[in-house]
């Protein structure tokens, strides 16, 4: 009798639908859904989500991306019928599927699963997701079905002008952050649209951000058409990032100047053209300008500072250049400047394996080195440097050189040091 029931095409489906469990094709969802006590899908546990400025880029974005890895192949294979089966087994996932549809622009899916009286009805979350990613059709659907719309700030920051226009037509609200973020991210058409069609305006953050990120057309537009202006950060950031055209524009058209130490920071970054402009406008620097330029190997900047400024540098300039292997900078500072260096120069050059620098300092400078030179070089396995120092220098090494070389597996260095026992220094 039981065999007849199980073998019946008519009876078996009727029996199975009353049994506990899920369909086999839904098994991949189980680990994802129940991982970390539902923490992966917070909407299945929360009664309220979001506000007008919900941080969509945060956990929700991460959750939906994780859900996509499981849901996308399932949806591609089983379609809307498969979605119905999924929601039959996991009703709480309707919220996630709706959010997923808005995030990834699946209008057909959203149309299929929305109920009109769902979790998101009174919140801008779905619109936020769709607007942030530029899904115009989903945004239109949400507006038509009277879901709460999000702030215009959202599509403005992402540069989605078409979505922005839809939300504006739907009487959406905005804050000055809309233009601020659009300007900082280079969305010129969005900035123009907001200027021409909205009243919220912007703050000094708009020009500051545009200047920092190299958006010259926006900087010029804001200067000509807006009154908010900028702060010292505009010139600071434009100069620090080497945006020559913007620096020139700000110097000749704005009264805001950079903060203390700007020229030093520009020199450190190696922006020679910007450095020349700041110098021509009478901006001061300190010895840190040449010191930092040397540290980063900017020989052209050092040459300009040497020829046109009086601040000079310190011994740290050659020390740092040697430490980082900039032998051309070391040569210039040796031949053109009087500050010199300290034993730190050869010690650090040796540690980092810059044998050309070590050889130059040995041949041309009198500061020498300390036992740290061989000790550090041995620790790092710089065999050629250790050999050079053992042959040409008398500072020697300590027991630490042998111990560290053995520990690090530099057997050839150990063998070499054992050939120069006379250089071993007592503690």
Foldseek 3Di string as FASTA:
>chain_A
DVVVQCPDPVRNVVVVVPDDDADPLCVVCVCLCPPPNRPLPCQLPDLDDDALPHPCVPSVVVSLVVVCVSVVVQCVPPNPVSVVRVCVNVVSCLVVQLLNCLQVVPPVSNVSSDDLPDSQQADQNSQLNNLLVQNQVSNVVCLVSNRDHHALLRNLLNLNVNSSVVCVVSVHHYAQNSLLNNQLVQNVVSNVCCLVPHDRHHALSNLLSNLLNQNQVSNVCCLVRHDRHHALSSLLNNLLVLNLVSNVCCVVRPPHHHDPASLLSSLLSLNQSSNVVCVVVPDDHALSSLQSNLLNLNVVSNVCCLVPHDRHHALSSLLNNLLVQNQVSNVCCLVRHDRHHALSSLLNNLLVLNVVSNVCCLVRHDRHHALSSLQNNLLVLNQVSNLVCLVRHQNAHEPSSLVSNVVVVNVVSNVVNVVRVVRYDDD
